[in-house]
Amino acid sequence: MSAGNNRFMDDFAKLMTDAAGMAQGFRQEAETAMQAQAQRWLNGLDVVSREEFDVVREMAVKALDENEALRARIDALEAKLADTGA
């Protein structure tokens, strides 16, 4: 009788291990499907990625720096013209 109980317990433990593995696989598949759906939804909203945002931000900072440098040059040239009386 005890051999039957051991076999039953072994079979039950194997069944539970298999069920846990299936549940984990299902969870991973569900996460992947949800991430893909979220990505499709975001793409439909025409939202930019973080990388694209950072590139444009760097371009804007560079343009502002260039504008400030040009403003300083213009101010210096205007001051020079004012000094010469032109």
PDB file of N, CA and C in Angstrom:
ATOM      1  N   MET A   1       0.815  -1.198   0.000  1.00  0.00           N
ATOM      2  CA  MET A   1       0.000   0.000   0.000  1.00  0.00           C
ATOM      3  C   MET A   1       0.859   1.263   0.000  1.00  0.00           C
ATOM      4  N   SER A   2       1.978   1.235   0.729  1.00  0.00           N
ATOM      5  CA  SER A   2       2.820   2.420   0.782  1.00  0.00           C
ATOM      6  C   SER A   2       3.489   2.687  -0.556  1.00  0.00           C
ATOM      7  N   ALA A   3       3.751   1.640  -1.340  1.00  0.00           N
ATOM      8  CA  ALA A   3       4.333   1.842  -2.665  1.00  0.00           C
ATOM      9  C   ALA A   3       3.325   2.540  -3.557  1.00  0.00           C
ATOM     10  N   GLY A   4       2.067   2.238  -3.399  1.00  0.00           N
ATOM     11  CA  GLY A   4       1.017   2.896  -4.171  1.00  0.00           C
ATOM     12  C   GLY A   4       0.886   4.357  -3.793  1.00  0.00           C
ATOM     13  N   ASN A   5       1.001   4.627  -2.503  1.00  0.00           N
ATOM     14  CA  ASN A   5       0.933   6.015  -2.033  1.00  0.00           C
ATOM     15  C   ASN A   5       2.109   6.827  -2.567  1.00  0.00           C
ATOM     16  N   ASN A   6       3.315   6.214  -2.547  1.00  0.00           N
ATOM     17  CA  ASN A   6       4.494   6.920  -3.053  1.00  0.00           C
ATOM     18  C   ASN A   6       4.340   7.219  -4.539  1.00  0.00           C
ATOM     19  N   ARG A   7       3.848   6.232  -5.279  1.00  0.00           N
ATOM     20  CA  ARG A   7       3.678   6.448  -6.716  1.00  0.00           C
ATOM     21  C   ARG A   7       2.627   7.540  -6.953  1.00  0.00           C
ATOM     22  N   PHE A   8       1.552   7.505  -6.185  1.00  0.00           N
ATOM     23  CA  PHE A   8       0.520   8.534  -6.313  1.00  0.00           C
ATOM     24  C   PHE A   8       1.099   9.914  -6.016  1.00  0.00           C
ATOM     25  N   MET A   9       1.883   9.996  -4.949  1.00  0.00           N
ATOM     26  CA  MET A   9       2.483  11.285  -4.581  1.00  0.00           C
ATOM     27  C   MET A   9       3.480  11.747  -5.648  1.00  0.00           C
ATOM     28  N   ASP A  10       4.267  10.803  -6.183  1.00  0.00           N
ATOM     29  CA  ASP A  10       5.212  11.154  -7.253  1.00  0.00           C
ATOM     30  C   ASP A  10       4.470  11.659  -8.492  1.00  0.00           C
ATOM     31  N   ASP A  11       3.412  10.951  -8.861  1.00  0.00           N
ATOM     32  CA  ASP A  11       2.630  11.370 -10.022  1.00  0.00           C
ATOM     33  C   ASP A  11       1.978  12.734  -9.782  1.00  0.00           C
ATOM     34  N   PHE A  12       1.469  12.913  -8.569  1.00  0.00           N
ATOM     35  CA  PHE A  12       0.834  14.186  -8.229  1.00  0.00           C
ATOM     36  C   PHE A  12       1.855  15.324  -8.262  1.00  0.00           C
ATOM     37  N   ALA A  13       3.053  15.084  -7.732  1.00  0.00           N
ATOM     38  CA  ALA A  13       4.108  16.104  -7.736  1.00  0.00           C
ATOM     39  C   ALA A  13       4.521  16.434  -9.167  1.00  0.00           C
ATOM     40  N   LYS A  14       4.630  15.412 -10.013  1.00  0.00           N
ATOM     41  CA  LYS A  14       4.974  15.649 -11.418  1.00  0.00           C
ATOM     42  C   LYS A  14       3.878  16.456 -12.107  1.00  0.00           C
ATOM     43  N   LEU A  15       2.634  16.133 -11.818  1.00  0.00           N
ATOM     44  CA  LEU A  15       1.512  16.864 -12.402  1.00  0.00           C
ATOM     45  C   LEU A  15       1.544  18.330 -11.969  1.00  0.00           C
ATOM     46  N   MET A  16       1.812  18.594 -10.702  1.00  0.00           N
ATOM     47  CA  MET A  16       1.874  19.971 -10.210  1.00  0.00           C
ATOM     48  C   MET A  16       3.053  20.719 -10.814  1.00  0.00           C
ATOM     49  N   THR A  17       4.187  20.042 -10.982  1.00  0.00           N
ATOM     50  CA  THR A  17       5.354  20.674 -11.600  1.00  0.00           C
ATOM     51  C   THR A  17       5.049  21.035 -13.047  1.00  0.00           C
ATOM     52  N   ASP A  18       4.411  20.113 -13.767  1.00  0.00           N
ATOM     53  CA  ASP A  18       4.035  20.386 -15.156  1.00  0.00           C
ATOM     54  C   ASP A  18       3.034  21.539 -15.235  1.00  0.00           C
ATOM     55  N   ALA A  19       2.088  21.563 -14.305  1.00  0.00           N
ATOM     56  CA  ALA A  19       1.087  22.634 -14.297  1.00  0.00           C
ATOM     57  C   ALA A  19       1.749  23.981 -14.018  1.00  0.00           C
ATOM     58  N   ALA A  20       2.711  24.002 -13.114  1.00  0.00           N
ATOM     59  CA  ALA A  20       3.420  25.249 -12.808  1.00  0.00           C
ATOM     60  C   ALA A  20       4.210  25.712 -14.028  1.00  0.00           C
ATOM     61  N   GLY A  21       4.830  24.781 -14.730  1.00  0.00           N
ATOM     62  CA  GLY A  21       5.564  25.136 -15.943  1.00  0.00           C
ATOM     63  C   GLY A  21       4.632  25.686 -17.013  1.00  0.00           C
ATOM     64  N   MET A  22       3.472  25.076 -17.166  1.00  0.00           N
ATOM     65  CA  MET A  22       2.493  25.570 -18.134  1.00  0.00           C
ATOM     66  C   MET A  22       2.003  26.960 -17.750  1.00  0.00           C
ATOM     67  N   ALA A  23       1.768  27.172 -16.472  1.00  0.00           N
ATOM     68  CA  ALA A  23       1.297  28.484 -16.012  1.00  0.00           C
ATOM     69  C   ALA A  23       2.352  29.550 -16.275  1.00  0.00           C
ATOM     70  N   GLN A  24       3.609  29.217 -16.050  1.00  0.00           N
ATOM     71  CA  GLN A  24       4.686  30.180 -16.300  1.00  0.00           C
ATOM     72  C   GLN A  24       4.796  30.471 -17.794  1.00  0.00           C
ATOM     73  N   GLY A  25       4.687  29.451 -18.615  1.00  0.00           N
ATOM     74  CA  GLY A  25       4.720  29.645 -20.060  1.00  0.00           C
ATOM     75  C   GLY A  25       3.557  30.496 -20.529  1.00  0.00           C
ATOM     76  N   PHE A  26       2.386  30.256 -19.975  1.00  0.00           N
ATOM     77  CA  PHE A  26       1.206  31.055 -20.323  1.00  0.00           C
ATOM     78  C   PHE A  26       1.403  32.507 -19.917  1.00  0.00           C
ATOM     79  N   ARG A  27       1.978  32.721 -18.738  1.00  0.00           N
ATOM     80  CA  ARG A  27       2.228  34.084 -18.265  1.00  0.00           C
ATOM     81  C   ARG A  27       3.176  34.809 -19.205  1.00  0.00           C
ATOM     82  N   GLN A  28       4.239  34.132 -19.618  1.00  0.00           N
ATOM     83  CA  GLN A  28       5.201  34.756 -20.534  1.00  0.00           C
ATOM     84  C   GLN A  28       4.551  35.073 -21.883  1.00  0.00           C
ATOM     85  N   GLU A  29       3.735  34.157 -22.382  1.00  0.00           N
ATOM     86  CA  GLU A  29       3.039  34.408 -23.651  1.00  0.00           C
ATOM     87  C   GLU A  29       2.074  35.582 -23.514  1.00  0.00           C
ATOM     88  N   ALA A  30       1.377  35.655 -22.394  1.00  0.00           N
ATOM     89  CA  ALA A  30       0.436  36.752 -22.169  1.00  0.00           C
ATOM     90  C   ALA A  30       1.170  38.085 -22.082  1.00  0.00           C
ATOM     91  N   GLU A  31       2.309  38.120 -21.387  1.00  0.00           N
ATOM     92  CA  GLU A  31       3.100  39.353 -21.293  1.00  0.00           C
ATOM     93  C   GLU A  31       3.578  39.798 -22.668  1.00  0.00           C
ATOM     94  N   THR A  32       4.069  38.848 -23.458  1.00  0.00           N
ATOM     95  CA  THR A  32       4.552  39.172 -24.802  1.00  0.00           C
ATOM     96  C   THR A  32       3.420  39.721 -25.657  1.00  0.00           C
ATOM     97  N   ALA A  33       2.259  39.086 -25.585  1.00  0.00           N
ATOM     98  CA  ALA A  33       1.113  39.547 -26.367  1.00  0.00           C
ATOM     99  C   ALA A  33       0.672  40.937 -25.916  1.00  0.00           C
ATOM    100  N   MET A  34       0.675  41.183 -24.608  1.00  0.00           N
ATOM    101  CA  MET A  34       0.265  42.492 -24.107  1.00  0.00           C
ATOM    102  C   MET A  34       1.261  43.572 -24.507  1.00  0.00           C
ATOM    103  N   GLN A  35       2.554  43.256 -24.469  1.00  0.00           N
ATOM    104  CA  GLN A  35       3.567  44.228 -24.882  1.00  0.00           C
ATOM    105  C   GLN A  35       3.432  44.545 -26.369  1.00  0.00           C
ATOM    106  N   ALA A  36       3.170  43.531 -27.170  1.00  0.00           N
ATOM    107  CA  ALA A  36       3.000  43.761 -28.605  1.00  0.00           C
ATOM    108  C   ALA A  36       1.766  44.619 -28.865  1.00  0.00           C
ATOM    109  N   GLN A  37       0.685  44.346 -28.144  1.00  0.00           N
ATOM    110  CA  GLN A  37      -0.539  45.134 -28.308  1.00  0.00           C
ATOM    111  C   GLN A  37      -0.306  46.576 -27.871  1.00  0.00           C
ATOM    112  N   ALA A  38       0.394  46.777 -26.771  1.00  0.00           N
ATOM    113  CA  ALA A  38       0.685  48.130 -26.294  1.00  0.00           C
ATOM    114  C   ALA A  38       1.557  48.876 -27.306  1.00  0.00           C
ATOM    115  N   GLN A  39       2.516  48.174 -27.898  1.00  0.00           N
ATOM    116  CA  GLN A  39       3.386  48.803 -28.904  1.00  0.00           C
ATOM    117  C   GLN A  39       2.565  49.206 -30.124  1.00  0.00           C
ATOM    118  N   ARG A  40       1.657  48.338 -30.570  1.00  0.00           N
ATOM    119  CA  ARG A  40       0.791  48.676 -31.708  1.00  0.00           C
ATOM    120  C   ARG A  40      -0.079  49.881 -31.368  1.00  0.00           C
ATOM    121  N   TRP A  41      -0.587  49.931 -30.151  1.00  0.00           N
ATOM    122  CA  TRP A  41      -1.439  51.038 -29.726  1.00  0.00           C
ATOM    123  C   TRP A  41      -0.645  52.348 -29.729  1.00  0.00           C
ATOM    124  N   LEU A  42       0.578  52.307 -29.182  1.00  0.00           N
ATOM    125  CA  LEU A  42       1.413  53.512 -29.155  1.00  0.00           C
ATOM    126  C   LEU A  42       1.796  53.946 -30.567  1.00  0.00           C
ATOM    127  N   ASN A  43       2.087  52.984 -31.432  1.00  0.00           N
ATOM    128  CA  ASN A  43       2.415  53.330 -32.811  1.00  0.00           C
ATOM    129  C   ASN A  43       1.230  53.998 -33.502  1.00  0.00           C
ATOM    130  N   GLY A  44       0.050  53.580 -33.169  1.00  0.00           N
ATOM    131  CA  GLY A  44      -1.152  54.187 -33.739  1.00  0.00           C
ATOM    132  C   GLY A  44      -1.354  55.618 -33.271  1.00  0.00           C
ATOM    133  N   LEU A  45      -0.823  55.950 -32.103  1.00  0.00           N
ATOM    134  CA  LEU A  45      -0.939  57.309 -31.572  1.00  0.00           C
ATOM    135  C   LEU A  45       0.114  58.244 -32.145  1.00  0.00           C
ATOM    136  N   ASP A  46       1.034  57.701 -32.906  1.00  0.00           N
ATOM    137  CA  ASP A  46       2.107  58.490 -33.507  1.00  0.00           C
ATOM    138  C   ASP A  46       2.959  59.156 -32.427  1.00  0.00           C
ATOM    139  N   VAL A  47       3.320  58.383 -31.415  1.00  0.00           N
ATOM    140  CA  VAL A  47       4.151  58.848 -30.311  1.00  0.00           C
ATOM    141  C   VAL A  47       5.611  58.578 -30.666  1.00  0.00           C
ATOM    142  N   VAL A  48       6.483  59.539 -30.376  1.00  0.00           N
ATOM    143  CA  VAL A  48       7.902  59.351 -30.679  1.00  0.00           C
ATOM    144  C   VAL A  48       8.562  58.506 -29.597  1.00  0.00           C
ATOM    145  N   SER A  49       9.627  57.835 -29.993  1.00  0.00           N
ATOM    146  CA  SER A  49      10.379  57.043 -29.025  1.00  0.00           C
ATOM    147  C   SER A  49      11.270  57.965 -28.194  1.00  0.00           C
ATOM    148  N   ARG A  50      11.765  57.466 -27.108  1.00  0.00           N
ATOM    149  CA  ARG A  50      12.652  58.239 -26.232  1.00  0.00           C
ATOM    150  C   ARG A  50      13.922  58.642 -26.991  1.00  0.00           C
ATOM    151  N   GLU A  51      14.436  57.719 -27.807  1.00  0.00           N
ATOM    152  CA  GLU A  51      15.648  58.003 -28.566  1.00  0.00           C
ATOM    153  C   GLU A  51      15.415  59.156 -29.543  1.00  0.00           C
ATOM    154  N   GLU A  52      14.280  59.122 -30.243  1.00  0.00           N
ATOM    155  CA  GLU A  52      13.963  60.201 -31.186  1.00  0.00           C
ATOM    156  C   GLU A  52      13.816  61.531 -30.457  1.00  0.00           C
ATOM    157  N   PHE A  53      13.166  61.507 -29.310  1.00  0.00           N
ATOM    158  CA  PHE A  53      12.990  62.718 -28.514  1.00  0.00           C
ATOM    159  C   PHE A  53      14.336  63.294 -28.098  1.00  0.00           C
ATOM    160  N   ASP A  54      15.233  62.421 -27.633  1.00  0.00           N
ATOM    161  CA  ASP A  54      16.550  62.885 -27.188  1.00  0.00           C
ATOM    162  C   ASP A  54      17.353  63.501 -28.333  1.00  0.00           C
ATOM    163  N   VAL A  55      17.258  62.913 -29.522  1.00  0.00           N
ATOM    164  CA  VAL A  55      17.981  63.456 -30.682  1.00  0.00           C
ATOM    165  C   VAL A  55      17.460  64.850 -31.018  1.00  0.00           C
ATOM    166  N   VAL A  56      16.148  65.011 -31.060  1.00  0.00           N
ATOM    167  CA  VAL A  56      15.571  66.319 -31.388  1.00  0.00           C
ATOM    168  C   VAL A  56      15.887  67.331 -30.299  1.00  0.00           C
ATOM    169  N   ARG A  57      15.890  66.892 -29.068  1.00  0.00           N
ATOM    170  CA  ARG A  57      16.232  67.794 -27.957  1.00  0.00           C
ATOM    171  C   ARG A  57      17.661  68.299 -28.095  1.00  0.00           C
ATOM    172  N   GLU A  58      18.586  67.393 -28.418  1.00  0.00           N
ATOM    173  CA  GLU A  58      19.975  67.806 -28.619  1.00  0.00           C
ATOM    174  C   GLU A  58      20.086  68.792 -29.776  1.00  0.00           C
ATOM    175  N   MET A  59      19.337  68.570 -30.845  1.00  0.00           N
ATOM    176  CA  MET A  59      19.354  69.494 -31.981  1.00  0.00           C
ATOM    177  C   MET A  59      18.854  70.875 -31.557  1.00  0.00           C
ATOM    178  N   ALA A  60      17.804  70.908 -30.739  1.00  0.00           N
ATOM    179  CA  ALA A  60      17.250  72.183 -30.288  1.00  0.00           C
ATOM    180  C   ALA A  60      18.251  72.927 -29.399  1.00  0.00           C
ATOM    181  N   VAL A  61      18.919  72.213 -28.508  1.00  0.00           N
ATOM    182  CA  VAL A  61      19.918  72.847 -27.636  1.00  0.00           C
ATOM    183  C   VAL A  61      21.059  73.413 -28.480  1.00  0.00           C
ATOM    184  N   LYS A  62      21.497  72.649 -29.472  1.00  0.00           N
ATOM    185  CA  LYS A  62      22.571  73.126 -30.346  1.00  0.00           C
ATOM    186  C   LYS A  62      22.126  74.365 -31.118  1.00  0.00           C
ATOM    187  N   ALA A  63      20.893  74.379 -31.617  1.00  0.00           N
ATOM    188  CA  ALA A  63      20.379  75.533 -32.351  1.00  0.00           C
ATOM    189  C   ALA A  63      20.301  76.764 -31.442  1.00  0.00           C
ATOM    190  N   LEU A  64      19.869  76.579 -30.202  1.00  0.00           N
ATOM    191  CA  LEU A  64      19.819  77.705 -29.267  1.00  0.00           C
ATOM    192  C   LEU A  64      21.210  78.259 -28.985  1.00  0.00           C
ATOM    193  N   ASP A  65      22.184  77.366 -28.821  1.00  0.00           N
ATOM    194  CA  ASP A  65      23.567  77.811 -28.596  1.00  0.00           C
ATOM    195  C   ASP A  65      24.085  78.608 -29.797  1.00  0.00           C
ATOM    196  N   GLU A  66      23.792  78.113 -30.993  1.00  0.00           N
ATOM    197  CA  GLU A  66      24.219  78.821 -32.204  1.00  0.00           C
ATOM    198  C   GLU A  66      23.534  80.181 -32.305  1.00  0.00           C
ATOM    199  N   ASN A  67      22.252  80.255 -31.954  1.00  0.00           N
ATOM    200  CA  ASN A  67      21.537  81.530 -31.978  1.00  0.00           C
ATOM    201  C   ASN A  67      22.149  82.536 -31.008  1.00  0.00           C
ATOM    202  N   GLU A  68      22.510  82.060 -29.828  1.00  0.00           N
ATOM    203  CA  GLU A  68      23.131  82.954 -28.850  1.00  0.00           C
ATOM    204  C   GLU A  68      24.480  83.471 -29.364  1.00  0.00           C
ATOM    205  N   ALA A  69      25.255  82.580 -29.994  1.00  0.00           N
ATOM    206  CA  ALA A  69      26.556  83.006 -30.538  1.00  0.00           C
ATOM    207  C   ALA A  69      26.354  84.017 -31.660  1.00  0.00           C
ATOM    208  N   LEU A  70      25.376  83.783 -32.528  1.00  0.00           N
ATOM    209  CA  LEU A  70      25.105  84.730 -33.613  1.00  0.00           C
ATOM    210  C   LEU A  70      24.594  86.060 -33.067  1.00  0.00           C
ATOM    211  N   ARG A  71      23.770  86.023 -32.041  1.00  0.00           N
ATOM    212  CA  ARG A  71      23.271  87.254 -31.427  1.00  0.00           C
ATOM    213  C   ARG A  71      24.442  88.065 -30.881  1.00  0.00           C
ATOM    214  N   ALA A  72      25.397  87.390 -30.242  1.00  0.00           N
ATOM    215  CA  ALA A  72      26.571  88.087 -29.696  1.00  0.00           C
ATOM    216  C   ALA A  72      27.387  88.717 -30.826  1.00  0.00           C
ATOM    217  N   ARG A  73      27.553  88.006 -31.939  1.00  0.00           N
ATOM    218  CA  ARG A  73      28.290  88.571 -33.077  1.00  0.00           C
ATOM    219  C   ARG A  73      27.564  89.784 -33.663  1.00  0.00           C
ATOM    220  N   ILE A  74      26.238  89.677 -33.785  1.00  0.00           N
ATOM    221  CA  ILE A  74      25.457  90.807 -34.316  1.00  0.00           C
ATOM    222  C   ILE A  74      25.582  92.017 -33.394  1.00  0.00           C
ATOM    223  N   ASP A  75      25.458  91.776 -32.094  1.00  0.00           N
ATOM    224  CA  ASP A  75      25.590  92.881 -31.134  1.00  0.00           C
ATOM    225  C   ASP A  75      26.967  93.535 -31.238  1.00  0.00           C
ATOM    226  N   ALA A  76      28.018  92.726 -31.400  1.00  0.00           N
ATOM    227  CA  ALA A  76      29.377  93.270 -31.516  1.00  0.00           C
ATOM    228  C   ALA A  76      29.522  94.074 -32.804  1.00  0.00           C
ATOM    229  N   LEU A  77      28.972  93.562 -33.901  1.00  0.00           N
ATOM    230  CA  LEU A  77      29.050  94.297 -35.172  1.00  0.00           C
ATOM    231  C   LEU A  77      28.253  95.596 -35.112  1.00  0.00           C
ATOM    232  N   GLU A  78      27.086  95.578 -34.488  1.00  0.00           N
ATOM    233  CA  GLU A  78      26.287  96.799 -34.355  1.00  0.00           C
ATOM    234  C   GLU A  78      27.002  97.826 -33.496  1.00  0.00           C
ATOM    235  N   ALA A  79      27.642  97.358 -32.435  1.00  0.00           N
ATOM    236  CA  ALA A  79      28.396  98.269 -31.577  1.00  0.00           C
ATOM    237  C   ALA A  79      29.574  98.866 -32.339  1.00  0.00           C
ATOM    238  N   LYS A  80      30.233  98.046 -33.128  1.00  0.00           N
ATOM    239  CA  LYS A  80      31.367  98.542 -33.921  1.00  0.00           C
ATOM    240  C   LYS A  80      30.890  99.577 -34.941  1.00  0.00           C
ATOM    241  N   LEU A  81      29.742  99.329 -35.586  1.00  0.00           N
ATOM    242  CA  LEU A  81      29.191 100.275 -36.545  1.00  0.00           C
ATOM    243  C   LEU A  81      28.786 101.578 -35.854  1.00  0.00           C
ATOM    244  N   ALA A  82      28.230 101.468 -34.663  1.00  0.00           N
ATOM    245  CA  ALA A  82      27.821 102.663 -33.926  1.00  0.00           C
ATOM    246  C   ALA A  82      29.049 103.506 -33.536  1.00  0.00           C
ATOM    247  N   ASP A  83      30.157 102.850 -33.220  1.00  0.00           N
ATOM    248  CA  ASP A  83      31.383 103.547 -32.846  1.00  0.00           C
ATOM    249  C   ASP A  83      32.013 104.286 -34.041  1.00  0.00           C
ATOM    250  N   THR A  84      31.861 103.719 -35.227  1.00  0.00           N
ATOM    251  CA  THR A  84      32.457 104.359 -36.421  1.00  0.00           C
ATOM    252  C   THR A  84      31.563 105.438 -36.966  1.00  0.00           C
ATOM    253  N   GLY A  85      30.364 105.549 -36.448  1.00  0.00           N
ATOM    254  CA  GLY A  85      29.448 106.621 -36.861  1.00  0.00           C
ATOM    255  C   GLY A  85      28.748 106.349 -38.181  1.00  0.00           C
ATOM    256  N   ALA A  86      28.688 105.135 -38.621  1.00  0.00           N
ATOM    257  CA  ALA A  86      28.067 104.839 -39.903  1.00  0.00           C
ATOM    258  C   ALA A  86      26.595 104.742 -39.827  1.00  0.00           C
TER     259      ALA A  86
END
